[in-house]
C-alpha atoms as a PDB file:
ATOM      1  CA  MET A   1      97.886  88.513  96.613  1.00  0.00           C
ATOM      2  CA  ARG A   2     101.631  88.186  97.215  1.00  0.00           C
ATOM      3  CA  ARG A   3     101.120  85.281  99.644  1.00  0.00           C
ATOM      4  CA  ALA A   4      98.908  83.521  97.113  1.00  0.00           C
ATOM      5  CA  THR A   5     101.513  84.016  94.374  1.00  0.00           C
ATOM      6  CA  VAL A   6     104.313  82.688  96.582  1.00  0.00           C
ATOM      7  CA  SER A   7     102.181  79.698  97.585  1.00  0.00           C
ATOM      8  CA  MET A   8     101.423  79.003  93.935  1.00  0.00           C
ATOM      9  CA  VAL A   9     105.120  79.168  93.022  1.00  0.00           C
ATOM     10  CA  ILE A  10     106.022  76.749  95.835  1.00  0.00           C
ATOM     11  CA  PHE A  11     103.242  74.363  94.807  1.00  0.00           C
ATOM     12  CA  LEU A  12     104.333  74.486  91.165  1.00  0.00           C
ATOM     13  CA  ALA A  13     107.954  73.869  92.176  1.00  0.00           C
ATOM     14  CA  ILE A  14     106.983  70.719  94.060  1.00  0.00           C
ATOM     15  CA  VAL A  15     104.832  69.408  91.219  1.00  0.00           C
ATOM     16  CA  LEU A  16     107.426  70.218  88.576  1.00  0.00           C
ATOM     17  CA  ALA A  17     110.294  68.801  90.592  1.00  0.00           C
ATOM     18  CA  ALA A  18     108.486  65.484  90.881  1.00  0.00           C
ATOM     19  CA  ALA A  19     107.828  65.343  87.135  1.00  0.00           C
ATOM     20  CA  THR A  20     111.122  66.777  85.860  1.00  0.00           C
ATOM     21  CA  PRO A  21     114.226  64.686  85.158  1.00  0.00           C
ATOM     22  CA  GLU A  22     117.474  65.314  86.998  1.00  0.00           C
ATOM     23  CA  TYR A  23     120.906  65.387  85.355  1.00  0.00           C
ATOM     24  CA  ASN A  24     124.538  66.129  86.117  1.00  0.00           C
ATOM     25  CA  VAL A  25     126.150  69.284  84.784  1.00  0.00           C
ATOM     26  CA  ASP A  26     129.670  70.110  83.678  1.00  0.00           C
ATOM     27  CA  TRP A  27     130.211  72.806  86.310  1.00  0.00           C
ATOM     28  CA  GLY A  28     133.545  74.034  84.951  1.00  0.00           C
ATOM     29  CA  ALA A  29     132.071  74.487  81.469  1.00  0.00           C
ATOM     30  CA  LEU A  30     129.011  76.240  82.918  1.00  0.00           C
ATOM     31  CA  ASP A  31     131.176  78.604  84.970  1.00  0.00           C
ATOM     32  CA  ARG A  32     133.301  79.493  81.917  1.00  0.00           C
ATOM     33  CA  ALA A  33     130.241  79.845  79.642  1.00  0.00           C
ATOM     34  CA  PHE A  34     128.372  82.123  82.054  1.00  0.00           C
ATOM     35  CA  SER A  35     131.441  84.295  82.696  1.00  0.00           C
ATOM     36  CA  ALA A  36     132.011  84.642  78.942  1.00  0.00           C
ATOM     37  CA  TYR A  37     128.335  85.484  78.362  1.00  0.00           C
ATOM     38  CA  ILE A  38     128.298  88.175  81.061  1.00  0.00           C
ATOM     39  CA  LYS A  39     131.507  89.735  79.724  1.00  0.00           C
ATOM     40  CA  GLU A  40     130.374  89.692  76.096  1.00  0.00           C
ATOM     41  CA  PRO A  41     126.750  88.607  75.562  1.00  0.00           C
ATOM     42  CA  SER A  42     125.907  86.873  72.301  1.00  0.00           C
ATOM     43  CA  ALA A  43     123.401  84.367  70.992  1.00  0.00           C
ATOM     44  CA  THR A  44     126.159  81.774  70.624  1.00  0.00           C
ATOM     45  CA  ARG A  45     127.258  82.178  74.236  1.00  0.00           C
ATOM     46  CA  ALA A  46     123.652  82.045  75.449  1.00  0.00           C
ATOM     47  CA  ARG A  47     123.142  78.780  73.542  1.00  0.00           C
ATOM     48  CA  GLN A  48     126.221  77.312  75.254  1.00  0.00           C
ATOM     49  CA  ILE A  49     124.552  77.893  78.624  1.00  0.00           C
ATOM     50  CA  THR A  50     121.159  76.574  77.555  1.00  0.00           C
ATOM     51  CA  HIS A  51     122.797  73.419  76.129  1.00  0.00           C
ATOM     52  CA  LEU A  52     124.715  72.852  79.369  1.00  0.00           C
ATOM     53  CA  LEU A  53     121.454  73.233  81.322  1.00  0.00           C
ATOM     54  CA  PRO A  54     118.735  71.378  79.400  1.00  0.00           C
ATOM     55  CA  PRO A  55     115.197  71.191  80.799  1.00  0.00           C
ATOM     56  CA  GLY A  56     115.070  69.529  84.184  1.00  0.00           C
ATOM     57  CA  TYR A  57     116.976  70.011  87.403  1.00  0.00           C
ATOM     58  CA  VAL A  58     120.613  69.475  88.213  1.00  0.00           C
ATOM     59  CA  VAL A  59     121.306  66.614  90.619  1.00  0.00           C
ATOM     60  CA  ARG A  60     121.789  68.166  94.072  1.00  0.00           C
ATOM     61  CA  THR A  61     123.647  65.297  95.692  1.00  0.00           C
ATOM     62  CA  THR A  62     126.466  66.394  97.973  1.00  0.00           C
ATOM     63  CA  GLY A  63     129.714  66.150  96.054  1.00  0.00           C
ATOM     64  CA  VAL A  64     127.927  66.492  92.710  1.00  0.00           C
ATOM     65  CA  PHE A  65     126.179  69.864  93.035  1.00  0.00           C
ATOM     66  CA  ASN A  66     128.740  72.690  92.977  1.00  0.00           C
ATOM     67  CA  ILE A  67     127.416  75.257  95.463  1.00  0.00           C
ATOM     68  CA  GLU A  68     130.403  77.556  94.938  1.00  0.00           C
ATOM     69  CA  ILE A  69     129.799  77.942  91.202  1.00  0.00           C
ATOM     70  CA  ALA A  70     126.022  78.244  91.651  1.00  0.00           C
ATOM     71  CA  GLU A  71     126.579  81.040  94.206  1.00  0.00           C
ATOM     72  CA  ARG A  72     129.145  82.752  91.966  1.00  0.00           C
ATOM     73  CA  ILE A  73     126.665  82.760  89.090  1.00  0.00           C
ATOM     74  CA  SER A  74     123.921  84.004  91.427  1.00  0.00           C
ATOM     75  CA  GLY A  75     126.180  86.868  92.477  1.00  0.00           C
ATOM     76  CA  GLN A  76     126.767  87.965  88.867  1.00  0.00           C
ATOM     77  CA  LEU A  77     123.162  88.394  87.743  1.00  0.00           C
ATOM     78  CA  GLY A  78     123.250  92.193  87.332  1.00  0.00           C
ATOM     79  CA  PRO A  79     124.022  92.242  83.581  1.00  0.00           C
ATOM     80  CA  LEU A  80     121.571  89.385  82.954  1.00  0.00           C
ATOM     81  CA  ASP A  81     118.893  91.287  84.881  1.00  0.00           C
ATOM     82  CA  SER A  82     119.446  94.401  82.737  1.00  0.00           C
ATOM     83  CA  MET A  83     119.250  92.439  79.490  1.00  0.00           C
ATOM     84  CA  THR A  84     116.170  90.503  80.622  1.00  0.00           C
ATOM     85  CA  LYS A  85     114.369  93.702  81.628  1.00  0.00           C
ATOM     86  CA  GLN A  86     114.996  94.886  78.056  1.00  0.00           C
ATOM     87  CA  ALA A  87     113.337  91.655  76.831  1.00  0.00           C
ATOM     88  CA  ASN A  88     116.530  90.317  75.233  1.00  0.00           C
ATOM     89  CA  SER A  89     115.442  86.855  74.087  1.00  0.00           C
ATOM     90  CA  ASP A  90     118.838  85.234  74.681  1.00  0.00           C
ATOM     91  CA  ALA A  91     118.990  86.632  78.214  1.00  0.00           C
ATOM     92  CA  ILE A  92     115.478  85.379  78.975  1.00  0.00           C
ATOM     93  CA  ASP A  93     116.481  81.895  77.767  1.00  0.00           C
ATOM     94  CA  VAL A  94     119.627  81.985  79.940  1.00  0.00           C
ATOM     95  CA  ALA A  95     117.524  83.006  82.962  1.00  0.00           C
ATOM     96  CA  PHE A  96     115.134  80.109  82.329  1.00  0.00           C
ATOM     97  CA  ALA A  97     118.092  77.707  82.009  1.00  0.00           C
ATOM     98  CA  LEU A  98     119.689  78.912  85.251  1.00  0.00           C
ATOM     99  CA  ILE A  99     116.567  77.914  87.177  1.00  0.00           C
ATOM    100  CA  ALA A 100     117.927  74.366  86.943  1.00  0.00           C
ATOM    101  CA  ILE A 101     120.733  75.270  89.379  1.00  0.00           C
ATOM    102  CA  SER A 102     118.817  77.749  91.513  1.00  0.00           C
ATOM    103  CA  ASP A 103     116.895  77.586  94.741  1.00  0.00           C
ATOM    104  CA  GLY A 104     115.307  80.018  97.169  1.00  0.00           C
ATOM    105  CA  ALA A 105     116.184  83.669  96.584  1.00  0.00           C
ATOM    106  CA  PHE A 106     118.171  82.805  93.437  1.00  0.00           C
ATOM    107  CA  THR A 107     115.042  81.260  91.885  1.00  0.00           C
ATOM    108  CA  GLU A 108     112.859  84.191  92.932  1.00  0.00           C
ATOM    109  CA  GLU A 109     115.324  86.640  91.394  1.00  0.00           C
ATOM    110  CA  LEU A 110     115.373  84.738  88.092  1.00  0.00           C
ATOM    111  CA  LEU A 111     111.565  84.477  87.961  1.00  0.00           C
ATOM    112  CA  THR A 112     111.139  88.190  88.666  1.00  0.00           C
ATOM    113  CA  MET A 113     113.701  88.971  85.951  1.00  0.00           C
ATOM    114  CA  ILE A 114     111.894  86.848  83.394  1.00  0.00           C
ATOM    115  CA  ALA A 115     108.490  88.269  84.334  1.00  0.00           C
ATOM    116  CA  SER A 116     109.811  91.827  84.022  1.00  0.00           C
ATOM    117  CA  SER A 117     110.343  91.223  80.305  1.00  0.00           C
ATOM    118  CA  VAL A 118     106.544  91.455  79.918  1.00  0.00           C
ATOM    119  CA  ASP A 119     106.809  95.152  80.730  1.00  0.00           C
ATOM    120  CA  ALA A 120     109.393  95.818  78.011  1.00  0.00           C
ATOM    121  CA  ASP A 121     108.102  93.544  75.258  1.00  0.00           C
ATOM    122  CA  PRO A 122     105.154  91.224  75.926  1.00  0.00           C
ATOM    123  CA  ALA A 123     105.645  89.401  72.615  1.00  0.00           C
ATOM    124  CA  ALA A 124     109.223  88.531  73.621  1.00  0.00           C
ATOM    125  CA  PHE A 125     107.923  87.199  76.943  1.00  0.00           C
ATOM    126  CA  LEU A 126     105.284  85.070  75.185  1.00  0.00           C
ATOM    127  CA  ALA A 127     107.864  83.750  72.714  1.00  0.00           C
ATOM    128  CA  ALA A 128     110.175  82.873  75.620  1.00  0.00           C
ATOM    129  CA  LEU A 129     107.358  80.964  77.327  1.00  0.00           C
ATOM    130  CA  LYS A 130     106.843  79.008  74.120  1.00  0.00           C
ATOM    131  CA  ARG A 131     110.572  78.301  73.579  1.00  0.00           C
ATOM    132  CA  ASN A 132     111.088  77.266  77.201  1.00  0.00           C
ATOM    133  CA  SER A 133     107.803  75.422  77.749  1.00  0.00           C
ATOM    134  CA  SER A 134     109.577  72.266  78.921  1.00  0.00           C
ATOM    135  CA  ARG A 135     111.558  74.144  81.582  1.00  0.00           C
ATOM    136  CA  PRO A 136     110.467  74.523  85.211  1.00  0.00           C
ATOM    137  CA  PHE A 137     108.306  77.601  85.924  1.00  0.00           C
ATOM    138  CA  ALA A 138     107.633  78.356  82.239  1.00  0.00           C
ATOM    139  CA  THR A 139     103.939  78.858  82.926  1.00  0.00           C
ATOM    140  CA  CYS A 140     101.436  81.595  82.179  1.00  0.00           C
ATOM    141  CA  ASP A 141     101.271  82.494  85.877  1.00  0.00           C
ATOM    142  CA  LEU A 142     104.852  83.745  85.675  1.00  0.00           C
ATOM    143  CA  ALA A 143     103.404  86.996  84.299  1.00  0.00           C
ATOM    144  CA  LEU A 144     101.961  87.610  87.782  1.00  0.00           C
ATOM    145  CA  ASP A 145     105.398  87.924  89.384  1.00  0.00           C
ATOM    146  CA  VAL A 146     105.991  91.594  90.137  1.00  0.00           C
ATOM    147  CA  GLY A 147     108.845  90.919  92.536  1.00  0.00           C
ATOM    148  CA  LEU A 148     109.206  92.543  95.896  1.00  0.00           C
ATOM    149  CA  ASP A 149     108.501  96.065  94.640  1.00  0.00           C
ATOM    150  CA  TYR A 150     104.845  95.834  95.619  1.00  0.00           C
ATOM    151  CA  VAL A 151     104.903  93.695  98.773  1.00  0.00           C
ATOM    152  CA  ASP A 152     103.156  96.422 100.789  1.00  0.00           C
ATOM    153  CA  ASP A 153     101.489  98.205  97.882  1.00  0.00           C
ATOM    154  CA  SER A 154      98.501  96.233  96.600  1.00  0.00           C
ATOM    155  CA  ASN A 155      97.325  99.232  94.523  1.00  0.00           C
ATOM    156  CA  GLY A 156     100.715  99.441  92.819  1.00  0.00           C
ATOM    157  CA  GLU A 157     100.704  95.698  92.192  1.00  0.00           C
ATOM    158  CA  LEU A 158      97.186  95.885  90.732  1.00  0.00           C
ATOM    159  CA  ALA A 159      98.175  98.783  88.460  1.00  0.00           C
ATOM    160  CA  ARG A 160     101.216  96.876  87.192  1.00  0.00           C
ATOM    161  CA  LEU A 161      99.196  93.736  86.516  1.00  0.00           C
ATOM    162  CA  LYS A 162      96.599  95.806  84.623  1.00  0.00           C
ATOM    163  CA  ARG A 163      99.373  97.393  82.508  1.00  0.00           C
ATOM    164  CA  ARG A 164     100.759  93.954  81.744  1.00  0.00           C
ATOM    165  CA  LEU A 165      97.304  92.717  80.781  1.00  0.00           C
ATOM    166  CA  GLU A 166      96.795  95.654  78.400  1.00  0.00           C
ATOM    167  CA  LYS A 167     100.192  95.085  76.784  1.00  0.00           C
ATOM    168  CA  VAL A 168      99.664  91.344  76.337  1.00  0.00           C
ATOM    169  CA  GLU A 169      96.189  91.917  74.852  1.00  0.00           C
ATOM    170  CA  ARG A 170      97.792  94.112  72.150  1.00  0.00           C
ATOM    171  CA  VAL A 171     100.206  91.395  70.974  1.00  0.00           C
ATOM    172  CA  ASN A 172      99.262  90.401  67.436  1.00  0.00           C
ATOM    173  CA  ARG A 173     101.381  87.342  66.633  1.00  0.00           C
ATOM    174  CA  PRO A 174      99.344  84.311  65.530  1.00  0.00           C
ATOM    175  CA  GLU A 175     102.143  81.877  66.430  1.00  0.00           C
ATOM    176  CA  LEU A 176     101.921  83.082  70.058  1.00  0.00           C
ATOM    177  CA  GLU A 177      98.129  83.037  70.375  1.00  0.00           C
ATOM    178  CA  GLN A 178      98.021  80.048  72.716  1.00  0.00           C
ATOM    179  CA  GLU A 179     100.542  81.612  75.127  1.00  0.00           C
ATOM    180  CA  LYS A 180      98.812  84.988  74.813  1.00  0.00           C
ATOM    181  CA  GLN A 181      95.393  83.615  75.784  1.00  0.00           C
ATOM    182  CA  CYS A 182      96.858  81.659  78.680  1.00  0.00           C
ATOM    183  CA  VAL A 183      98.699  84.709  80.077  1.00  0.00           C
ATOM    184  CA  ILE A 184      95.619  86.903  79.582  1.00  0.00           C
ATOM    185  CA  LYS A 185      93.541  84.414  81.570  1.00  0.00           C
ATOM    186  CA  SER A 186      96.099  84.373  84.413  1.00  0.00           C
ATOM    187  CA  LEU A 187      96.325  88.163  84.514  1.00  0.00           C
ATOM    188  CA  GLN A 188      92.542  88.638  84.349  1.00  0.00           C
ATOM    189  CA  THR A 189      92.062  86.192  87.221  1.00  0.00           C
ATOM    190  CA  ALA A 190      94.665  87.980  89.338  1.00  0.00           C
ATOM    191  CA  VAL A 191      93.210  91.421  88.579  1.00  0.00           C
ATOM    192  CA  LYS A 192      89.658  90.281  89.410  1.00  0.00           C
ATOM    193  CA  ALA A 193      90.840  88.736  92.668  1.00  0.00           C
ATOM    194  CA  GLN A 194      92.452  92.019  93.746  1.00  0.00           C
ATOM    195  CA  VAL A 195      89.525  94.204  92.707  1.00  0.00           C
ATOM    196  CA  LYS A 196      87.084  92.315  94.963  1.00  0.00           C
END
């Protein structure tokens, strides 16, 4: 299952990258905004980050893409991870925005963070999918990401996916019905595939 999930993520990245616009970013402003947000999280500071990183991908041309700042941000994800695991909506939006400057392990860490919000508050996860629908990786299959915790434990992974499915099925928010049904379908498909 893990190999299939990773393959799906790579495939989606290629498809989305081809269809998603690129843009330049004000790296100094992003660095200051992220540092301020980590030190003292607020909705206003989260919005600064999401405005600096609109949907799409940052241009990765040498001399334009600031690897040093991207790596510094990647190295400071601990507080964001904690807030995202508590289903803090601003933190989830910041994690989605940071995908624009991420690659490899940085991207995987952000996706796992976002997916973990399903465990804390499935309605917050569904609302984040809706708010961030134009961002890369904001798909129903994101709910399948259980991180590296279950790489060698297919029973543990199956149990976690079943718990997520049960939680999402209990969400009763009409404005999130489309996202709910899509996530339920993804989770049901993954659970059935593992049960066979």
